[in-house]
Amino acid sequence: MNTNNKNEKREELTLAELAHRIKNAIAGALPGTYWVRAETSDVRINPSGHCYLELIEKNERTGQISAKIRASIWASTFYKIKYSFESIAGQPFASGIKILIKAKADYHELYGLSLNIIDIDPAYTIGDMIRRRLEIIRRLQEDGVFTLNKELPLPILPNRIAIISSPTAAGYGDFVNQLENNSAGYVFYHRLFTAVMQGEKTETSIIAALENIFNHADLFDLTVIIRGGGATSELSSFDAYNLAAHCAQFPLPILTGIGHDRDETVLDMVAHKMLKTPTAVAEYLINRIDQTANEQRSIQQTICATFSARIQKEKQRLHSYAARIPSIVIKRLDRNRTMLNALEAQLPVKIAAVINKNNTILDNAKNSLLTNTQKHIAAQKHALSLAEQFIQMASPDYNLKRGYTLTLKNGIIVKRASALSPGDEITTHFIDGDVKSHIPDNDANS
């Protein structure tokens, strides 16, 4: 509840009146123009030609926005300022760049506080760009990737080429025409991986194309990134850290030809090789194969010359051998003839010695055979004598002579008493004759 004295006189203003006072206060406090360091944000160009943007300042430690003011550049001065800035800075006038502006503070009753930009100093932006580029290079070096792509071996026949470019770029057409119509008739396999080559989408578009090529890396020998000529201000996208890091670590050698003779981007620095234009890239590839072809021809000529010299040397050696063959053969024949004559003279003596040796062997064999035969005959005679004695002992007559008899029934020798029955007629055989008898009946015995 307001405790002020009800009788106290108070000043009441309309909103417009307050806004007008604010305007006058700002005009009085900030009557002139000021050079202001800031970063651009949300840059928009109105169809009328006016440029509207926001100027921001970020905390260097946290990166948070610490100040923000709307700004405008009227059409009457915008295109002049824009052309001058981009021509000198080599950077498009867009969001996200640091600038040094000459501006006048202005307050409008409807639109509030803003800065009216009158001029821009490109030198400040150039300095910031140089610092940013150096920072990117330093980061790449500290990451250990700055020279990785340069260290990849370039194929001796680089004819399978992945191209990153815009299909409508004149530089792409020039590159393909140069490759396909080379005077040597070399055949190149090339495939386009479409990317945006200027504007804010350049970095992300090229990275996407690189990732697509990576999935088919075994089909290509190298990658080329090319574009036609354009404004120097369009090269800032090629100074981005993420793009440079992707290219530096790419598994295929990367050649760049982005169409500028004087400017070298960070992308050019990390690439395997930087050439000025797409046609220069094509010419480099053709010359690379030319160099390989020349080296192969040189090697072929060296091999042919070496073989020709070797063949000539071998021919001379063969001729030398052929000239020496008759004398060598004659000497060999004479030597063999002498050996044969010596052998012929020794032959009777050697034959006689062999015969004598063999006769001695035969005599020894004869004596050994006779001795062994006699021993065998004596052994066989002894065995026969023993067999004869055994047979005689096994003869019935031998037992009969010793007093034994043989009992026969019906002409069959009786071996057991149980084989006889009462009344049987038996014959008892003695050594000197036979006696017949009968087995008595049991009744007769009783």
Protein backbone atom coordinates (compact mmCIF):
# COMPACT_ATOMS: atom_id res chain seq x y z
CA MET A 1 0.00 0.00 0.00
CA ASN A 2 1.36 3.37 -1.02
CA THR A 3 2.19 5.40 2.09
CA ASN A 4 3.10 8.60 0.22
CA ASN A 5 1.27 11.78 1.16
CA LYS A 6 -1.88 12.06 -0.87
CA ASN A 7 -1.29 15.78 -1.18
CA GLU A 8 2.18 15.19 -2.73
CA LYS A 9 2.26 16.36 -6.36
CA ARG A 10 3.31 13.61 -8.73
CA GLU A 11 4.28 13.68 -12.39
CA GLU A 12 2.42 11.33 -14.61
CA LEU A 13 3.70 10.51 -18.12
CA THR A 14 2.31 8.60 -20.98
CA LEU A 15 4.40 5.73 -22.27
CA ALA A 16 5.16 7.70 -25.40
CA GLU A 17 6.33 10.64 -23.34
CA LEU A 18 8.66 8.36 -21.31
CA ALA A 19 9.97 6.78 -24.44
CA HIS A 20 10.59 10.21 -25.90
CA ARG A 21 12.52 11.26 -22.79
CA ILE A 22 14.59 8.06 -22.99
CA LYS A 23 15.33 8.86 -26.60
CA ASN A 24 16.42 12.38 -25.74
CA ALA A 25 18.47 11.11 -22.79
CA ILE A 26 20.34 8.62 -24.97
CA ALA A 27 20.83 11.22 -27.67
CA GLY A 28 22.20 13.59 -25.08
CA ALA A 29 24.40 11.05 -23.33
CA LEU A 30 25.66 9.41 -26.55
CA PRO A 31 25.56 12.20 -29.10
CA GLY A 32 28.21 10.93 -31.53
CA THR A 33 29.38 7.72 -33.13
CA TYR A 34 31.43 5.01 -31.42
CA TRP A 35 33.70 2.18 -32.52
CA VAL A 36 32.32 -0.99 -30.92
CA ARG A 37 33.75 -4.54 -30.85
CA ALA A 38 31.06 -7.23 -31.05
CA GLU A 39 30.02 -10.54 -32.63
CA THR A 40 27.26 -10.77 -35.23
CA SER A 41 24.16 -12.87 -34.65
CA ASP A 42 20.89 -13.45 -36.49
CA VAL A 43 21.92 -11.47 -39.61
CA ARG A 44 18.90 -10.90 -41.88
CA ILE A 45 18.63 -8.93 -45.09
CA ASN A 46 15.23 -7.38 -45.67
CA PRO A 47 13.81 -7.33 -49.23
CA SER A 48 13.97 -3.55 -48.98
CA GLY A 49 17.78 -3.84 -48.75
CA HIS A 50 18.09 -3.05 -45.06
CA CYS A 51 20.17 -5.41 -42.92
CA TYR A 52 18.96 -6.28 -39.43
CA LEU A 53 21.08 -8.17 -36.92
CA GLU A 54 21.95 -8.58 -33.29
CA LEU A 55 25.29 -7.68 -31.76
CA ILE A 56 26.39 -9.86 -28.87
CA GLU A 57 29.34 -10.19 -26.53
CA LYS A 58 30.25 -13.48 -24.86
CA ASN A 59 32.05 -14.15 -21.62
CA GLU A 60 35.46 -15.44 -22.66
CA ARG A 61 35.54 -17.97 -19.83
CA THR A 62 31.98 -19.35 -19.88
CA GLY A 63 30.94 -18.58 -23.44
CA GLN A 64 27.65 -17.16 -22.16
CA ILE A 65 26.19 -14.00 -23.72
CA SER A 66 26.93 -11.06 -21.46
CA ALA A 67 25.47 -8.26 -23.64
CA LYS A 68 23.11 -8.03 -26.62
CA ILE A 69 21.82 -5.07 -28.67
CA ARG A 70 19.82 -4.94 -31.89
CA ALA A 71 21.48 -3.23 -34.84
CA SER A 72 20.65 -2.20 -38.36
CA ILE A 73 22.43 -1.10 -41.52
CA TRP A 74 20.27 0.92 -43.83
CA ALA A 75 20.10 -0.07 -47.48
CA SER A 76 21.74 3.19 -48.55
CA THR A 77 25.02 2.07 -46.97
CA PHE A 78 24.65 -1.72 -46.49
CA TYR A 79 25.78 -2.97 -49.90
CA LYS A 80 28.71 -0.59 -49.96
CA ILE A 81 29.81 -1.74 -46.49
CA LYS A 82 29.15 -5.40 -47.35
CA TYR A 83 31.16 -5.29 -50.59
CA SER A 84 34.08 -3.52 -48.96
CA PHE A 85 34.11 -5.86 -45.98
CA GLU A 86 33.92 -9.10 -47.99
CA SER A 87 36.46 -7.95 -50.57
CA ILE A 88 39.05 -7.12 -47.92
CA ALA A 89 38.27 -9.70 -45.22
CA GLY A 90 37.61 -12.57 -47.61
CA GLN A 91 34.74 -13.50 -45.34
CA PRO A 92 31.00 -13.24 -45.99
CA PHE A 93 29.13 -10.82 -43.84
CA ALA A 94 27.11 -13.33 -41.81
CA SER A 95 26.34 -14.48 -38.30
CA GLY A 96 29.11 -15.64 -35.99
CA ILE A 97 31.94 -13.30 -36.98
CA LYS A 98 33.70 -10.75 -34.84
CA ILE A 99 33.56 -7.19 -36.19
CA LEU A 100 34.61 -3.67 -35.28
CA ILE A 101 31.79 -1.29 -36.20
CA LYS A 102 31.28 2.44 -36.25
CA ALA A 103 27.77 2.99 -34.90
CA LYS A 104 25.42 5.54 -33.43
CA ALA A 105 23.12 4.69 -30.53
CA ASP A 106 19.47 5.19 -31.43
CA TYR A 107 16.28 4.81 -29.50
CA HIS A 108 12.92 4.53 -31.20
CA GLU A 109 9.65 4.87 -29.38
CA LEU A 110 8.25 1.71 -31.05
CA TYR A 111 11.33 -0.45 -31.63
CA GLY A 112 13.44 0.41 -28.61
CA LEU A 113 17.22 0.68 -28.39
CA SER A 114 19.38 -0.23 -31.39
CA LEU A 115 22.66 0.68 -33.01
CA ASN A 116 22.77 2.20 -36.45
CA ILE A 117 25.91 0.83 -38.10
CA ILE A 118 27.66 3.35 -40.32
CA ASP A 119 30.94 1.55 -41.12
CA ILE A 120 32.88 -1.66 -40.46
CA ASP A 121 36.66 -2.07 -40.14
CA PRO A 122 37.60 -5.33 -42.02
CA ALA A 123 41.10 -5.31 -40.51
CA TYR A 124 39.71 -6.27 -37.11
CA THR A 125 37.81 -9.23 -38.59
CA ILE A 126 40.88 -10.29 -40.57
CA GLY A 127 42.87 -10.33 -37.38
CA ASP A 128 40.23 -12.40 -35.65
CA MET A 129 40.05 -14.79 -38.62
CA ILE A 130 43.81 -15.19 -38.55
CA ARG A 131 43.70 -15.87 -34.84
CA ARG A 132 40.90 -18.38 -35.32
CA ARG A 133 42.74 -20.10 -38.16
CA LEU A 134 45.93 -20.29 -36.10
CA GLU A 135 43.92 -21.69 -33.21
CA ILE A 136 42.44 -24.39 -35.47
CA ILE A 137 45.91 -25.28 -36.79
CA ARG A 138 47.25 -25.41 -33.23
CA ARG A 139 44.42 -27.72 -32.13
CA LEU A 140 45.00 -30.04 -35.08
CA GLN A 141 48.71 -30.18 -34.31
CA GLU A 142 48.11 -30.82 -30.62
CA ASP A 143 45.66 -33.59 -31.55
CA GLY A 144 48.45 -35.15 -33.63
CA VAL A 145 46.38 -35.26 -36.83
CA PHE A 146 47.60 -32.24 -38.81
CA THR A 147 49.93 -34.24 -41.14
CA LEU A 148 48.20 -37.65 -41.08
CA ASN A 149 46.67 -37.40 -44.54
CA LYS A 150 49.93 -36.16 -46.05
CA GLU A 151 51.66 -39.26 -44.69
CA LEU A 152 49.41 -41.65 -46.64
CA PRO A 153 51.07 -43.21 -49.72
CA LEU A 154 49.62 -41.98 -53.00
CA PRO A 155 48.86 -44.91 -55.36
CA ILE A 156 51.12 -45.11 -58.41
CA LEU A 157 48.02 -45.53 -60.60
CA PRO A 158 45.34 -43.30 -59.03
CA ASN A 159 42.47 -43.97 -61.42
CA ARG A 160 39.62 -44.78 -58.98
CA ILE A 161 38.49 -41.38 -57.76
CA ALA A 162 35.81 -40.33 -55.28
CA ILE A 163 34.74 -36.75 -56.04
CA ILE A 164 33.17 -34.37 -53.54
CA SER A 165 31.58 -31.44 -55.35
CA SER A 166 28.34 -29.91 -56.46
CA PRO A 167 26.97 -31.57 -59.63
CA THR A 168 26.17 -28.14 -61.07
CA ALA A 169 29.58 -26.63 -60.35
CA ALA A 170 31.51 -25.61 -63.45
CA GLY A 171 34.68 -26.88 -61.78
CA TYR A 172 33.20 -30.39 -61.53
CA GLY A 173 32.43 -30.45 -65.25
CA ASP A 174 35.91 -29.17 -66.09
CA PHE A 175 37.50 -31.83 -63.89
CA VAL A 176 35.56 -34.72 -65.44
CA ASN A 177 36.15 -33.42 -68.98
CA GLN A 178 39.87 -33.11 -68.33
CA LEU A 179 40.04 -36.69 -67.02
CA GLU A 180 37.94 -38.34 -69.70
CA ASN A 181 39.58 -36.56 -72.64
CA ASN A 182 43.23 -36.91 -71.64
CA SER A 183 45.54 -37.21 -74.63
CA ALA A 184 47.08 -40.48 -73.41
CA GLY A 185 43.71 -42.25 -73.33
CA TYR A 186 43.99 -43.28 -69.68
CA VAL A 187 40.77 -44.70 -68.23
CA PHE A 188 39.54 -43.22 -64.94
CA TYR A 189 36.71 -44.53 -62.79
CA HIS A 190 35.10 -41.67 -60.91
CA ARG A 191 32.00 -41.26 -58.78
CA LEU A 192 30.44 -38.04 -57.52
CA PHE A 193 29.45 -37.68 -53.86
CA THR A 194 27.27 -34.59 -53.89
CA ALA A 195 27.93 -31.79 -51.40
CA VAL A 196 27.09 -28.13 -50.96
CA MET A 197 30.25 -26.16 -51.75
CA GLN A 198 29.30 -22.70 -50.51
CA GLY A 199 27.24 -21.26 -47.71
CA GLU A 200 26.54 -22.31 -44.15
CA LYS A 201 25.88 -25.97 -45.01
CA THR A 202 29.27 -26.50 -46.69
CA GLU A 203 31.04 -27.99 -43.68
CA THR A 204 28.33 -30.48 -42.65
CA SER A 205 27.64 -31.41 -46.28
CA ILE A 206 31.28 -32.26 -47.06
CA ILE A 207 31.64 -34.23 -43.82
CA ALA A 208 28.53 -36.26 -44.76
CA ALA A 209 30.06 -36.97 -48.20
CA LEU A 210 33.32 -38.08 -46.55
CA GLU A 211 31.43 -40.49 -44.29
CA ASN A 212 29.64 -41.92 -47.33
CA ILE A 213 32.95 -42.46 -49.13
CA PHE A 214 34.41 -44.05 -45.99
CA ASN A 215 31.75 -46.78 -46.22
CA HIS A 216 33.07 -47.66 -49.72
CA ALA A 217 36.74 -46.80 -49.19
CA ASP A 218 37.98 -50.08 -50.71
CA LEU A 219 36.55 -49.01 -54.10
CA PHE A 220 38.69 -45.87 -54.41
CA ASP A 221 42.35 -44.84 -54.56
CA LEU A 222 41.84 -41.26 -53.39
CA THR A 223 39.32 -38.48 -52.80
CA VAL A 224 39.22 -35.06 -54.46
CA ILE A 225 37.35 -32.03 -53.09
CA ILE A 226 36.74 -29.53 -55.90
CA ARG A 227 34.62 -26.49 -56.67
CA GLY A 228 34.57 -23.77 -59.28
CA GLY A 229 35.85 -20.29 -58.74
CA GLY A 230 33.88 -17.92 -56.58
CA ALA A 231 34.19 -15.10 -54.14
CA THR A 232 37.04 -15.28 -51.66
CA SER A 233 34.46 -14.70 -48.95
CA GLU A 234 33.04 -18.18 -49.65
CA LEU A 235 36.22 -19.91 -48.45
CA SER A 236 35.58 -19.46 -44.73
CA SER A 237 33.68 -22.76 -44.55
CA PHE A 238 36.92 -24.55 -45.46
CA ASP A 239 38.61 -23.14 -42.35
CA ALA A 240 36.41 -25.11 -39.94
CA TYR A 241 38.01 -27.37 -37.34
CA ASN A 242 35.61 -30.34 -37.70
CA LEU A 243 35.99 -30.45 -41.48
CA ALA A 244 39.80 -30.19 -41.27
CA ALA A 245 39.93 -32.91 -38.57
CA HIS A 246 37.80 -35.28 -40.68
CA CYS A 247 39.98 -34.73 -43.75
CA ALA A 248 43.25 -35.04 -41.83
CA GLN A 249 42.22 -38.45 -40.45
CA PHE A 250 40.58 -39.76 -43.63
CA PRO A 251 42.00 -43.15 -44.74
CA LEU A 252 42.31 -42.12 -48.41
CA PRO A 253 44.63 -39.38 -49.71
CA ILE A 254 42.67 -36.16 -50.29
CA LEU A 255 43.45 -33.69 -53.10
CA THR A 256 41.86 -30.24 -53.03
CA GLY A 257 41.13 -27.85 -55.87
CA ILE A 258 38.69 -25.26 -54.63
CA GLY A 259 39.38 -22.65 -57.26
CA HIS A 260 41.57 -19.96 -55.73
CA ASP A 261 45.14 -19.12 -56.64
CA ARG A 262 46.12 -16.90 -53.71
CA ASP A 263 44.26 -18.32 -50.73
CA GLU A 264 45.13 -21.45 -48.79
CA THR A 265 42.50 -22.75 -46.40
CA VAL A 266 43.03 -25.01 -43.41
CA LEU A 267 41.46 -27.79 -45.47
CA ASP A 268 44.19 -27.27 -48.09
CA MET A 269 46.83 -27.42 -45.35
CA VAL A 270 45.76 -30.83 -43.99
CA ALA A 271 45.04 -32.39 -47.40
CA HIS A 272 47.54 -34.77 -48.97
CA LYS A 273 48.07 -32.23 -51.76
CA MET A 274 46.57 -28.83 -52.52
CA LEU A 275 46.12 -27.68 -56.12
CA LYS A 276 44.60 -24.41 -57.22
CA THR A 277 41.77 -25.51 -59.50
CA PRO A 278 39.79 -28.65 -60.41
CA THR A 279 41.54 -28.83 -63.80
CA ALA A 280 44.89 -28.64 -62.01
CA VAL A 281 43.82 -31.64 -59.90
CA ALA A 282 42.86 -33.57 -63.04
CA GLU A 283 46.14 -32.65 -64.70
CA TYR A 284 48.05 -33.78 -61.61
CA LEU A 285 46.36 -37.21 -61.70
CA ILE A 286 47.04 -37.59 -65.41
CA ASN A 287 50.67 -36.57 -64.88
CA ARG A 288 50.91 -39.05 -62.00
CA ILE A 289 49.91 -41.90 -64.30
CA ASP A 290 52.16 -40.43 -67.01
CA GLN A 291 55.04 -40.53 -64.56
CA THR A 292 54.27 -44.14 -63.66
CA ALA A 293 53.98 -45.06 -67.35
CA ASN A 294 57.32 -43.35 -68.08
CA GLU A 295 58.92 -45.14 -65.15
CA GLN A 296 57.54 -48.44 -66.41
CA ARG A 297 58.80 -47.73 -69.92
CA SER A 298 62.18 -46.82 -68.46
CA ILE A 299 62.21 -50.02 -66.43
CA GLN A 300 61.13 -51.98 -69.50
CA GLN A 301 63.92 -50.44 -71.55
CA THR A 302 66.42 -51.13 -68.78
CA ILE A 303 65.26 -54.74 -68.54
CA CYS A 304 65.40 -55.18 -72.32
CA ALA A 305 68.87 -53.62 -72.49
CA THR A 306 70.05 -55.76 -69.57
CA PHE A 307 68.70 -58.94 -71.14
CA SER A 308 70.13 -58.04 -74.54
CA ALA A 309 73.54 -57.48 -72.99
CA ARG A 310 73.22 -60.72 -71.02
CA ILE A 311 72.12 -62.64 -74.10
CA GLN A 312 75.04 -61.22 -76.09
CA LYS A 313 77.41 -62.14 -73.28
CA GLU A 314 76.01 -65.67 -73.13
CA LYS A 315 76.26 -66.00 -76.90
CA GLN A 316 79.93 -65.04 -76.71
CA ARG A 317 80.42 -67.53 -73.93
CA LEU A 318 78.70 -70.26 -75.98
CA HIS A 319 80.84 -69.42 -79.01
CA SER A 320 83.90 -69.66 -76.78
CA TYR A 321 82.72 -73.03 -75.47
CA ALA A 322 81.91 -74.20 -78.99
CA ALA A 323 85.43 -73.30 -80.14
CA ARG A 324 86.92 -75.19 -77.21
CA ILE A 325 84.76 -78.30 -77.56
CA PRO A 326 86.85 -80.07 -80.29
CA SER A 327 90.10 -79.79 -78.35
CA ILE A 328 88.33 -80.75 -75.11
CA VAL A 329 86.76 -83.78 -76.80
CA ILE A 330 90.06 -84.84 -78.34
CA LYS A 331 91.83 -84.52 -74.99
CA ARG A 332 89.06 -86.47 -73.32
CA LEU A 333 89.18 -89.18 -75.97
CA ASP A 334 92.97 -89.43 -75.68
CA ARG A 335 92.69 -89.68 -71.92
CA ASN A 336 90.01 -92.35 -72.17
CA ARG A 337 92.00 -94.23 -74.82
CA THR A 338 95.03 -94.25 -72.51
CA MET A 339 92.87 -95.51 -69.67
CA LEU A 340 91.42 -98.26 -71.89
CA ASN A 341 94.90 -99.34 -73.00
CA ALA A 342 96.02 -99.53 -69.38
CA LEU A 343 92.92 -101.53 -68.48
CA GLU A 344 93.49 -103.78 -71.48
CA ALA A 345 97.05 -104.53 -70.31
CA GLN A 346 95.82 -105.28 -66.81
CA LEU A 347 92.87 -107.38 -67.95
CA PRO A 348 94.65 -110.82 -68.34
CA VAL A 349 96.23 -110.53 -64.90
CA LYS A 350 92.95 -109.46 -63.31
CA ILE A 351 91.02 -112.19 -65.12
CA ALA A 352 93.55 -114.83 -63.97
CA ALA A 353 93.33 -113.55 -60.43
CA VAL A 354 89.54 -113.67 -60.54
CA ILE A 355 89.61 -117.19 -61.97
CA ASN A 356 92.05 -118.37 -59.31
CA LYS A 357 89.95 -116.79 -56.63
CA ASN A 358 86.81 -118.42 -57.97
CA ASN A 359 88.57 -121.80 -58.30
CA THR A 360 89.61 -121.57 -54.66
CA ILE A 361 86.03 -120.75 -53.73
CA LEU A 362 84.75 -123.71 -55.78
CA ASP A 363 87.28 -126.11 -54.20
CA ASN A 364 86.29 -124.97 -50.75
CA ALA A 365 82.64 -125.37 -51.65
CA LYS A 366 83.30 -128.85 -53.08
CA ASN A 367 85.12 -130.02 -49.95
CA SER A 368 82.47 -128.52 -47.71
CA LEU A 369 79.70 -130.19 -49.73
CA LEU A 370 81.45 -133.60 -49.59
CA THR A 371 81.97 -133.37 -45.83
CA ASN A 372 78.42 -132.26 -45.19
CA THR A 373 77.02 -134.98 -47.47
CA GLN A 374 78.95 -137.71 -45.67
CA LYS A 375 77.77 -136.43 -42.30
CA HIS A 376 74.19 -136.36 -43.53
CA ILE A 377 74.39 -139.92 -44.94
CA ALA A 378 75.83 -141.24 -41.64
CA ALA A 379 73.09 -139.53 -39.69
CA GLN A 380 70.41 -140.96 -41.98
CA LYS A 381 71.91 -144.48 -41.69
CA HIS A 382 71.83 -144.22 -37.89
CA ALA A 383 68.23 -143.09 -38.00
CA LEU A 384 67.30 -145.97 -40.29
CA SER A 385 69.01 -148.46 -37.97
CA LEU A 386 67.04 -147.15 -35.02
CA ALA A 387 63.83 -147.31 -37.02
CA GLU A 388 64.59 -150.90 -38.04
CA GLN A 389 65.14 -151.91 -34.44
CA PHE A 390 61.89 -150.25 -33.41
CA ILE A 391 60.01 -152.02 -36.15
CA GLN A 392 61.49 -155.37 -35.17
CA MET A 393 60.53 -154.82 -31.57
CA ALA A 394 57.00 -153.97 -32.60
CA SER A 395 56.70 -157.23 -34.65
CA PRO A 396 54.47 -160.10 -33.17
CA ASP A 397 57.21 -162.64 -33.92
CA TYR A 398 59.55 -160.73 -31.64
CA ASN A 399 57.08 -161.18 -28.75
CA LEU A 400 56.38 -164.81 -29.65
CA LYS A 401 60.09 -165.54 -29.43
CA ARG A 402 60.09 -164.10 -25.95
CA GLY A 403 57.41 -166.66 -24.86
CA TYR A 404 54.30 -164.73 -25.51
CA THR A 405 51.32 -166.25 -27.45
CA LEU A 406 48.47 -164.90 -29.53
CA THR A 407 44.87 -166.00 -29.05
CA LEU A 408 42.63 -165.86 -32.14
CA LYS A 409 38.91 -166.37 -32.52
CA ASN A 410 37.72 -166.80 -36.02
CA GLY A 411 41.10 -165.46 -37.19
CA ILE A 412 40.82 -162.31 -35.09
CA ILE A 413 43.15 -161.60 -32.21
CA VAL A 414 41.35 -161.71 -28.87
CA LYS A 415 42.48 -158.87 -26.65
CA ARG A 416 40.08 -159.32 -23.67
CA ALA A 417 38.66 -162.39 -21.87
CA SER A 418 35.24 -160.79 -21.96
CA ALA A 419 35.27 -161.19 -25.72
CA LEU A 420 35.02 -165.06 -25.30
CA SER A 421 31.92 -167.08 -24.55
CA PRO A 422 31.56 -170.72 -23.37
CA GLY A 423 31.81 -173.11 -26.25
CA ASP A 424 33.93 -170.77 -28.43
CA GLU A 425 36.75 -172.33 -30.38
CA ILE A 426 39.99 -170.49 -30.07
CA THR A 427 43.42 -170.89 -31.63
CA THR A 428 46.57 -170.27 -29.61
CA HIS A 429 49.50 -169.22 -31.76
CA PHE A 430 52.99 -170.12 -30.56
CA ILE A 431 56.31 -169.35 -32.19
CA ASP A 432 56.50 -172.90 -33.47
CA GLY A 433 52.85 -173.66 -34.23
CA ASP A 434 49.13 -173.34 -33.41
CA VAL A 435 46.93 -175.20 -30.84
CA LYS A 436 43.10 -175.21 -31.05
CA SER A 437 40.91 -175.42 -27.95
CA HIS A 438 37.34 -174.76 -26.73
CA ILE A 439 35.99 -172.57 -23.96
CA PRO A 440 34.30 -175.06 -21.59
CA ASP A 441 30.67 -174.63 -20.55
CA ASN A 442 29.89 -173.61 -16.96
CA ASP A 443 27.99 -176.91 -16.27
CA ALA A 444 30.99 -178.97 -17.23
CA ASN A 445 33.12 -177.12 -14.80
CA SER A 446 30.73 -177.80 -12.03
